[in-house]
All heavy atoms as atom14 arrays in JSON, in Angstrom:
{
  "sequence": "QQTVNGRSLGENIEGARVFNDDVILPREQPLLASGGLA",
  "atom14_mask": [
    [1, 1, 1, 1, 1, 1, 1, 1, 1, 0, 0, 0, 0, 0],
    [1, 1, 1, 1, 1, 1, 1, 1, 1, 0, 0, 0, 0, 0],
    [1, 1, 1, 1, 1, 1, 1, 0, 0, 0, 0, 0, 0, 0],
    [1, 1, 1, 1, 1, 1, 1, 0, 0, 0, 0, 0, 0, 0],
    [1, 1, 1, 1, 1, 1, 1, 1, 0, 0, 0, 0, 0, 0],
    [1, 1, 1, 1, 0, 0, 0, 0, 0, 0, 0, 0, 0, 0],
    [1, 1, 1, 1, 1, 1, 1, 1, 1, 1, 1, 0, 0, 0],
    [1, 1, 1, 1, 1, 1, 0, 0, 0, 0, 0, 0, 0, 0],
    [1, 1, 1, 1, 1, 1, 1, 1, 0, 0, 0, 0, 0, 0],
    [1, 1, 1, 1, 0, 0, 0, 0, 0, 0, 0, 0, 0, 0],
    [1, 1, 1, 1, 1, 1, 1, 1, 1, 0, 0, 0, 0, 0],
    [1, 1, 1, 1, 1, 1, 1, 1, 0, 0, 0, 0, 0, 0],
    [1, 1, 1, 1, 1, 1, 1, 1, 0, 0, 0, 0, 0, 0],
    [1, 1, 1, 1, 1, 1, 1, 1, 1, 0, 0, 0, 0, 0],
    [1, 1, 1, 1, 0, 0, 0, 0, 0, 0, 0, 0, 0, 0],
    [1, 1, 1, 1, 1, 0, 0, 0, 0, 0, 0, 0, 0, 0],
    [1, 1, 1, 1, 1, 1, 1, 1, 1, 1, 1, 0, 0, 0],
    [1, 1, 1, 1, 1, 1, 1, 0, 0, 0, 0, 0, 0, 0],
    [1, 1, 1, 1, 1, 1, 1, 1, 1, 1, 1, 0, 0, 0],
    [1, 1, 1, 1, 1, 1, 1, 1, 0, 0, 0, 0, 0, 0],
    [1, 1, 1, 1, 1, 1, 1, 1, 0, 0, 0, 0, 0, 0],
    [1, 1, 1, 1, 1, 1, 1, 1, 0, 0, 0, 0, 0, 0],
    [1, 1, 1, 1, 1, 1, 1, 0, 0, 0, 0, 0, 0, 0],
    [1, 1, 1, 1, 1, 1, 1, 1, 0, 0, 0, 0, 0, 0],
    [1, 1, 1, 1, 1, 1, 1, 1, 0, 0, 0, 0, 0, 0],
    [1, 1, 1, 1, 1, 1, 1, 0, 0, 0, 0, 0, 0, 0],
    [1, 1, 1, 1, 1, 1, 1, 1, 1, 1, 1, 0, 0, 0],
    [1, 1, 1, 1, 1, 1, 1, 1, 1, 0, 0, 0, 0, 0],
    [1, 1, 1, 1, 1, 1, 1, 1, 1, 0, 0, 0, 0, 0],
    [1, 1, 1, 1, 1, 1, 1, 0, 0, 0, 0, 0, 0, 0],
    [1, 1, 1, 1, 1, 1, 1, 1, 0, 0, 0, 0, 0, 0],
    [1, 1, 1, 1, 1, 1, 1, 1, 0, 0, 0, 0, 0, 0],
    [1, 1, 1, 1, 1, 0, 0, 0, 0, 0, 0, 0, 0, 0],
    [1, 1, 1, 1, 1, 1, 0, 0, 0, 0, 0, 0, 0, 0],
    [1, 1, 1, 1, 0, 0, 0, 0, 0, 0, 0, 0, 0, 0],
    [1, 1, 1, 1, 0, 0, 0, 0, 0, 0, 0, 0, 0, 0],
    [1, 1, 1, 1, 1, 1, 1, 1, 0, 0, 0, 0, 0, 0],
    [1, 1, 1, 1, 1, 0, 0, 0, 0, 0, 0, 0, 0, 0]
  ],
  "atom14_positions": [
    [[3.13, 0.18, 22.88], [3.3, 1.59, 23.35], [2.19, 1.94, 24.43], [1.1, 1.68, 24.25], [3.19, 2.45, 22.18], [4.37, 2.37, 21.14], [5.7, 2.42, 21.79], [6.02, 3.44, 22.32], [6.5, 1.31, 21.78], [0.0, 0.0, 0.0], [0.0, 0.0, 0.0], [0.0, 0.0, 0.0], [0.0, 0.0, 0.0], [0.0, 0.0, 0.0]],
    [[2.75, 2.68, 25.43], [1.96, 3.08, 26.59], [1.04, 4.19, 26.22], [1.26, 5.0, 25.39], [2.99, 3.57, 27.69], [2.29, 4.09, 28.84], [1.94, 3.02, 29.9], [1.76, 1.91, 29.49], [1.97, 3.35, 31.08], [0.0, 0.0, 0.0], [0.0, 0.0, 0.0], [0.0, 0.0, 0.0], [0.0, 0.0, 0.0], [0.0, 0.0, 0.0]],
    [[-0.12, 4.26, 26.94], [-1.14, 5.29, 26.71], [-1.49, 5.91, 28.01], [-1.14, 5.4, 29.12], [-2.42, 4.79, 26.03], [-3.19, 4.04, 26.83], [-2.04, 4.0, 24.82], [0.0, 0.0, 0.0], [0.0, 0.0, 0.0], [0.0, 0.0, 0.0], [0.0, 0.0, 0.0], [0.0, 0.0, 0.0], [0.0, 0.0, 0.0], [0.0, 0.0, 0.0]],
    [[-2.4, 6.96, 28.03], [-2.77, 7.64, 29.26], [-3.54, 6.95, 30.18], [-3.6, 7.17, 31.4], [-3.46, 8.98, 28.99], [-2.55, 10.02, 28.33], [-4.69, 8.75, 28.15], [0.0, 0.0, 0.0], [0.0, 0.0, 0.0], [0.0, 0.0, 0.0], [0.0, 0.0, 0.0], [0.0, 0.0, 0.0], [0.0, 0.0, 0.0], [0.0, 0.0, 0.0]],
    [[-4.24, 5.83, 29.71], [-5.07, 5.08, 30.69], [-4.29, 3.91, 31.4], [-4.95, 3.1, 32.09], [-6.37, 4.47, 30.01], [-6.06, 3.39, 29.01], [-4.87, 3.17, 28.63], [-7.07, 2.8, 28.52], [0.0, 0.0, 0.0], [0.0, 0.0, 0.0], [0.0, 0.0, 0.0], [0.0, 0.0, 0.0], [0.0, 0.0, 0.0], [0.0, 0.0, 0.0]],
    [[-3.0, 3.93, 31.16], [-2.15, 2.88, 31.81], [-2.07, 1.64, 31.06], [-1.33, 0.7, 31.51], [0.0, 0.0, 0.0], [0.0, 0.0, 0.0], [0.0, 0.0, 0.0], [0.0, 0.0, 0.0], [0.0, 0.0, 0.0], [0.0, 0.0, 0.0], [0.0, 0.0, 0.0], [0.0, 0.0, 0.0], [0.0, 0.0, 0.0], [0.0, 0.0, 0.0]],
    [[-2.76, 1.49, 29.91], [-2.68, 0.3, 29.13], [-2.0, 0.54, 27.85], [-1.81, 1.7, 27.43], [-4.1, -0.31, 28.83], [-4.94, -0.58, 30.09], [-6.35, -1.14, 29.71], [-7.13, -1.44, 30.89], [-8.06, -0.68, 31.42], [-8.18, 0.53, 30.83], [-8.66, -0.9, 32.49], [0.0, 0.0, 0.0], [0.0, 0.0, 0.0], [0.0, 0.0, 0.0]],
    [[-1.67, -0.52, 27.2], [-0.96, -0.32, 25.89], [-1.95, 0.0, 24.74], [-3.09, -0.24, 24.86], [-0.17, -1.57, 25.54], [-1.07, -2.62, 25.26], [0.0, 0.0, 0.0], [0.0, 0.0, 0.0], [0.0, 0.0, 0.0], [0.0, 0.0, 0.0], [0.0, 0.0, 0.0], [0.0, 0.0, 0.0], [0.0, 0.0, 0.0], [0.0, 0.0, 0.0]],
    [[-1.4, 0.44, 23.63], [-2.24, 0.68, 22.51], [-2.95, -0.61, 22.04], [-4.1, -0.63, 21.67], [-1.4, 1.27, 21.26], [-2.18, 1.63, 20.06], [-3.08, 2.66, 20.19], [-1.19, 1.88, 18.91], [0.0, 0.0, 0.0], [0.0, 0.0, 0.0], [0.0, 0.0, 0.0], [0.0, 0.0, 0.0], [0.0, 0.0, 0.0], [0.0, 0.0, 0.0]],
    [[-2.17, -1.7, 22.07], [-2.81, -2.97, 21.71], [-3.91, -3.39, 22.59], [-4.91, -3.87, 22.01], [0.0, 0.0, 0.0], [0.0, 0.0, 0.0], [0.0, 0.0, 0.0], [0.0, 0.0, 0.0], [0.0, 0.0, 0.0], [0.0, 0.0, 0.0], [0.0, 0.0, 0.0], [0.0, 0.0, 0.0], [0.0, 0.0, 0.0], [0.0, 0.0, 0.0]],
    [[-3.81, -3.21, 23.85], [-4.85, -3.5, 24.78], [-6.02, -2.62, 24.54], [-7.22, -3.12, 24.71], [-4.41, -3.32, 26.23], [-3.38, -4.42, 26.66], [-2.71, -4.1, 27.99], [-2.43, -2.94, 28.29], [-2.56, -5.09, 28.73], [0.0, 0.0, 0.0], [0.0, 0.0, 0.0], [0.0, 0.0, 0.0], [0.0, 0.0, 0.0], [0.0, 0.0, 0.0]],
    [[-5.81, -1.32, 24.22], [-6.96, -0.38, 23.99], [-7.75, -0.69, 22.79], [-8.89, -0.31, 22.65], [-6.43, 0.95, 23.96], [-5.98, 1.54, 25.33], [-6.41, 0.97, 26.36], [-5.25, 2.6, 25.34], [0.0, 0.0, 0.0], [0.0, 0.0, 0.0], [0.0, 0.0, 0.0], [0.0, 0.0, 0.0], [0.0, 0.0, 0.0], [0.0, 0.0, 0.0]],
    [[-7.17, -1.29, 21.69], [-7.99, -1.65, 20.54], [-8.41, -3.02, 20.48], [-9.18, -3.4, 19.55], [-7.16, -1.24, 19.23], [-5.94, -2.21, 19.09], [-6.67, 0.17, 19.24], [-5.18, -2.0, 17.74], [0.0, 0.0, 0.0], [0.0, 0.0, 0.0], [0.0, 0.0, 0.0], [0.0, 0.0, 0.0], [0.0, 0.0, 0.0], [0.0, 0.0, 0.0]],
    [[-8.08, -3.81, 21.48], [-8.41, -5.26, 21.49], [-9.95, -5.34, 21.54], [-10.66, -4.65, 22.32], [-7.87, -5.94, 22.74], [-8.04, -7.4, 22.7], [-7.4, -8.15, 23.86], [-6.61, -7.45, 24.58], [-7.59, -9.3, 24.03], [0.0, 0.0, 0.0], [0.0, 0.0, 0.0], [0.0, 0.0, 0.0], [0.0, 0.0, 0.0], [0.0, 0.0, 0.0]],
    [[-10.6, -6.17, 20.62], [-12.04, -6.26, 20.66], [-12.76, -5.27, 19.85], [-13.98, -5.39, 19.61], [0.0, 0.0, 0.0], [0.0, 0.0, 0.0], [0.0, 0.0, 0.0], [0.0, 0.0, 0.0], [0.0, 0.0, 0.0], [0.0, 0.0, 0.0], [0.0, 0.0, 0.0], [0.0, 0.0, 0.0], [0.0, 0.0, 0.0], [0.0, 0.0, 0.0]],
    [[-12.08, -4.26, 19.29], [-12.68, -3.29, 18.39], [-13.16, -3.93, 17.06], [-12.48, -4.83, 16.67], [-11.76, -2.1, 18.11], [0.0, 0.0, 0.0], [0.0, 0.0, 0.0], [0.0, 0.0, 0.0], [0.0, 0.0, 0.0], [0.0, 0.0, 0.0], [0.0, 0.0, 0.0], [0.0, 0.0, 0.0], [0.0, 0.0, 0.0], [0.0, 0.0, 0.0]],
    [[-14.21, -3.41, 16.52], [-14.78, -4.06, 15.32], [-15.11, -2.93, 14.28], [-15.33, -1.74, 14.66], [-16.08, -4.72, 15.64], [-15.89, -5.94, 16.56], [-17.25, -6.42, 17.12], [-18.14, -6.72, 16.13], [-19.47, -6.99, 16.26], [-20.03, -6.84, 17.5], [-20.22, -7.26, 15.24], [0.0, 0.0, 0.0], [0.0, 0.0, 0.0], [0.0, 0.0, 0.0]],
    [[-15.21, -3.26, 13.1], [-15.67, -2.41, 11.97], [-17.05, -2.93, 11.58], [-17.34, -3.99, 11.33], [-14.74, -2.5, 10.7], [-15.27, -1.75, 9.54], [-13.35, -2.07, 11.16], [0.0, 0.0, 0.0], [0.0, 0.0, 0.0], [0.0, 0.0, 0.0], [0.0, 0.0, 0.0], [0.0, 0.0, 0.0], [0.0, 0.0, 0.0], [0.0, 0.0, 0.0]],
    [[-17.96, -1.9, 11.5], [-19.38, -2.15, 11.17], [-19.83, -1.79, 9.75], [-20.97, -2.08, 9.38], [-20.21, -1.5, 12.29], [-19.89, -1.87, 13.72], [-19.26, -0.94, 14.52], [-20.18, -3.08, 14.21], [-18.93, -1.33, 15.75], [-19.85, -3.43, 15.48], [-19.26, -2.47, 16.31], [0.0, 0.0, 0.0], [0.0, 0.0, 0.0], [0.0, 0.0, 0.0]],
    [[-19.02, -1.13, 9.12], [-19.25, -0.77, 7.63], [-17.99, -0.77, 6.94], [-17.17, 0.04, 6.94], [-19.91, 0.64, 7.68], [-20.42, 0.98, 6.35], [-19.93, 0.48, 5.32], [-21.39, 1.83, 6.24], [0.0, 0.0, 0.0], [0.0, 0.0, 0.0], [0.0, 0.0, 0.0], [0.0, 0.0, 0.0], [0.0, 0.0, 0.0], [0.0, 0.0, 0.0]],
    [[-17.84, -1.82, 6.07], [-16.71, -1.98, 5.28], [-16.55, -1.06, 4.07], [-15.43, -1.04, 3.48], [-16.69, -3.42, 4.64], [-16.35, -4.47, 5.68], [-15.78, -4.17, 6.76], [-16.69, -5.65, 5.57], [0.0, 0.0, 0.0], [0.0, 0.0, 0.0], [0.0, 0.0, 0.0], [0.0, 0.0, 0.0], [0.0, 0.0, 0.0], [0.0, 0.0, 0.0]],
    [[-17.6, -0.23, 3.84], [-17.46, 0.8, 2.76], [-16.79, 2.12, 3.37], [-16.39, 2.91, 2.61], [-18.8, 1.03, 2.09], [-18.7, 1.8, 0.79], [-17.67, 1.45, 0.05], [-19.44, 2.64, 0.51], [0.0, 0.0, 0.0], [0.0, 0.0, 0.0], [0.0, 0.0, 0.0], [0.0, 0.0, 0.0], [0.0, 0.0, 0.0], [0.0, 0.0, 0.0]],
    [[-16.9, 2.26, 4.68], [-16.38, 3.45, 5.31], [-14.93, 3.19, 5.84], [-14.08, 3.94, 5.56], [-17.2, 3.84, 6.54], [-16.58, 5.06, 7.25], [-18.62, 4.14, 6.17], [0.0, 0.0, 0.0], [0.0, 0.0, 0.0], [0.0, 0.0, 0.0], [0.0, 0.0, 0.0], [0.0, 0.0, 0.0], [0.0, 0.0, 0.0], [0.0, 0.0, 0.0]],
    [[-14.67, 2.04, 6.53], [-13.32, 1.67, 6.89], [-13.1, 0.45, 6.08], [-13.62, -0.73, 6.3], [-13.24, 1.28, 8.34], [-13.67, 2.53, 9.17], [-11.88, 0.91, 8.73], [-13.73, 2.25, 10.71], [0.0, 0.0, 0.0], [0.0, 0.0, 0.0], [0.0, 0.0, 0.0], [0.0, 0.0, 0.0], [0.0, 0.0, 0.0], [0.0, 0.0, 0.0]],
    [[-12.32, 0.6, 4.97], [-12.14, -0.55, 4.0], [-11.27, -1.71, 4.43], [-10.35, -1.46, 5.25], [-11.58, 0.12, 2.71], [-12.36, 1.31, 2.04], [-11.46, 2.0, 1.16], [-13.55, 0.72, 1.3], [0.0, 0.0, 0.0], [0.0, 0.0, 0.0], [0.0, 0.0, 0.0], [0.0, 0.0, 0.0], [0.0, 0.0, 0.0], [0.0, 0.0, 0.0]],
    [[-11.58, -2.85, 3.89], [-10.69, -3.96, 4.29], [-9.27, -3.7, 3.64], [-9.19, -2.98, 2.55], [-11.33, -5.13, 3.5], [-12.83, -4.76, 3.3], [-12.74, -3.21, 3.15], [0.0, 0.0, 0.0], [0.0, 0.0, 0.0], [0.0, 0.0, 0.0], [0.0, 0.0, 0.0], [0.0, 0.0, 0.0], [0.0, 0.0, 0.0], [0.0, 0.0, 0.0]],
    [[-8.27, -4.29, 4.2], [-6.93, -4.09, 3.77], [-6.72, -4.48, 2.24], [-6.04, -3.88, 1.52], [-6.01, -4.85, 4.62], [-5.7, -4.27, 5.95], [-4.77, -3.11, 5.86], [-3.42, -3.43, 5.59], [-2.51, -3.94, 6.54], [-2.88, -3.98, 7.79], [-1.31, -4.33, 6.15], [0.0, 0.0, 0.0], [0.0, 0.0, 0.0], [0.0, 0.0, 0.0]],
    [[-7.45, -5.49, 1.87], [-7.22, -5.99, 0.47], [-8.06, -5.19, -0.51], [-8.01, -5.39, -1.74], [-7.68, -7.45, 0.29], [-9.16, -7.73, 0.65], [-9.38, -8.02, 2.18], [-8.4, -7.68, 3.02], [-10.43, -8.55, 2.55], [0.0, 0.0, 0.0], [0.0, 0.0, 0.0], [0.0, 0.0, 0.0], [0.0, 0.0, 0.0], [0.0, 0.0, 0.0]],
    [[-8.79, -4.2, -0.12], [-9.56, -3.29, -1.03], [-9.38, -1.85, -0.56], [-10.25, -1.05, -0.22], [-11.05, -3.62, -0.88], [-11.39, -4.97, -1.41], [-12.83, -5.35, -1.31], [-13.59, -4.83, -0.44], [-13.33, -6.24, -2.1], [0.0, 0.0, 0.0], [0.0, 0.0, 0.0], [0.0, 0.0, 0.0], [0.0, 0.0, 0.0], [0.0, 0.0, 0.0]],
    [[-8.1, -1.34, -0.51], [-7.79, -0.06, 0.07], [-8.24, 1.03, -1.06], [-8.46, 0.79, -2.24], [-6.33, 0.09, 0.19], [-5.85, -0.95, -0.78], [-6.87, -2.01, -0.93], [0.0, 0.0, 0.0], [0.0, 0.0, 0.0], [0.0, 0.0, 0.0], [0.0, 0.0, 0.0], [0.0, 0.0, 0.0], [0.0, 0.0, 0.0], [0.0, 0.0, 0.0]],
    [[-8.47, 2.25, -0.45], [-8.69, 3.38, -1.37], [-7.43, 3.62, -2.22], [-7.49, 4.01, -3.34], [-8.98, 4.54, -0.47], [-9.71, 5.87, -1.1], [-11.09, 5.38, -1.67], [-9.83, 7.0, -0.16], [0.0, 0.0, 0.0], [0.0, 0.0, 0.0], [0.0, 0.0, 0.0], [0.0, 0.0, 0.0], [0.0, 0.0, 0.0], [0.0, 0.0, 0.0]],
    [[-6.27, 3.44, -1.65], [-4.98, 3.59, -2.23], [-4.16, 2.55, -1.54], [-4.03, 2.52, -0.32], [-4.43, 4.99, -2.01], [-3.36, 5.56, -2.99], [-3.87, 5.64, -4.48], [-2.86, 6.91, -2.48], [0.0, 0.0, 0.0], [0.0, 0.0, 0.0], [0.0, 0.0, 0.0], [0.0, 0.0, 0.0], [0.0, 0.0, 0.0], [0.0, 0.0, 0.0]],
    [[-3.32, 1.74, -2.36], [-2.44, 0.71, -1.77], [-1.47, 1.23, -0.93], [-0.99, 0.65, 0.0], [-1.94, -0.14, -2.95], [0.0, 0.0, 0.0], [0.0, 0.0, 0.0], [0.0, 0.0, 0.0], [0.0, 0.0, 0.0], [0.0, 0.0, 0.0], [0.0, 0.0, 0.0], [0.0, 0.0, 0.0], [0.0, 0.0, 0.0], [0.0, 0.0, 0.0]],
    [[-0.97, 2.5, -1.31], [0.16, 3.04, -0.56], [0.29, 4.53, -0.98], [-0.38, 4.94, -2.04], [1.55, 2.37, -0.63], [1.97, 2.44, -1.98], [0.0, 0.0, 0.0], [0.0, 0.0, 0.0], [0.0, 0.0, 0.0], [0.0, 0.0, 0.0], [0.0, 0.0, 0.0], [0.0, 0.0, 0.0], [0.0, 0.0, 0.0], [0.0, 0.0, 0.0]],
    [[1.08, 5.3, -0.26], [1.34, 6.7, -0.87], [0.28, 7.65, -0.51], [-0.02, 8.55, -1.39], [0.0, 0.0, 0.0], [0.0, 0.0, 0.0], [0.0, 0.0, 0.0], [0.0, 0.0, 0.0], [0.0, 0.0, 0.0], [0.0, 0.0, 0.0], [0.0, 0.0, 0.0], [0.0, 0.0, 0.0], [0.0, 0.0, 0.0], [0.0, 0.0, 0.0]],
    [[-0.41, 7.64, 0.59], [-1.31, 8.69, 1.01], [-0.82, 9.98, 1.09], [-1.51, 10.95, 0.84], [0.0, 0.0, 0.0], [0.0, 0.0, 0.0], [0.0, 0.0, 0.0], [0.0, 0.0, 0.0], [0.0, 0.0, 0.0], [0.0, 0.0, 0.0], [0.0, 0.0, 0.0], [0.0, 0.0, 0.0], [0.0, 0.0, 0.0], [0.0, 0.0, 0.0]],
    [[0.51, 10.12, 1.4], [1.28, 11.33, 1.34], [2.55, 11.01, 0.62], [3.08, 9.85, 0.7], [1.55, 11.87, 2.65], [0.4, 12.35, 3.59], [0.88, 12.78, 4.93], [-0.42, 13.49, 2.98], [0.0, 0.0, 0.0], [0.0, 0.0, 0.0], [0.0, 0.0, 0.0], [0.0, 0.0, 0.0], [0.0, 0.0, 0.0], [0.0, 0.0, 0.0]],
    [[3.21, 11.95, -0.02], [4.35, 11.75, -0.65], [5.34, 12.85, -0.46], [4.94, 14.03, -0.51], [4.23, 11.51, -2.21], [0.0, 0.0, 0.0], [0.0, 0.0, 0.0], [0.0, 0.0, 0.0], [0.0, 0.0, 0.0], [0.0, 0.0, 0.0], [0.0, 0.0, 0.0], [0.0, 0.0, 0.0], [0.0, 0.0, 0.0], [0.0, 0.0, 0.0]]
  ]
}
C-alpha cells in the first residue's frame, strides 16, 4: 500500500526493530491471542 512519502508501507517498515519484548510482545506470547475488539 502506498504512503505519503512515495514508498510502500512495506518499504517504510523494512529494517525496523523491537528493543523491548515486554512492551511489544512476540507473536507467540501475545497479550491476547485474538479478539482485541468484539
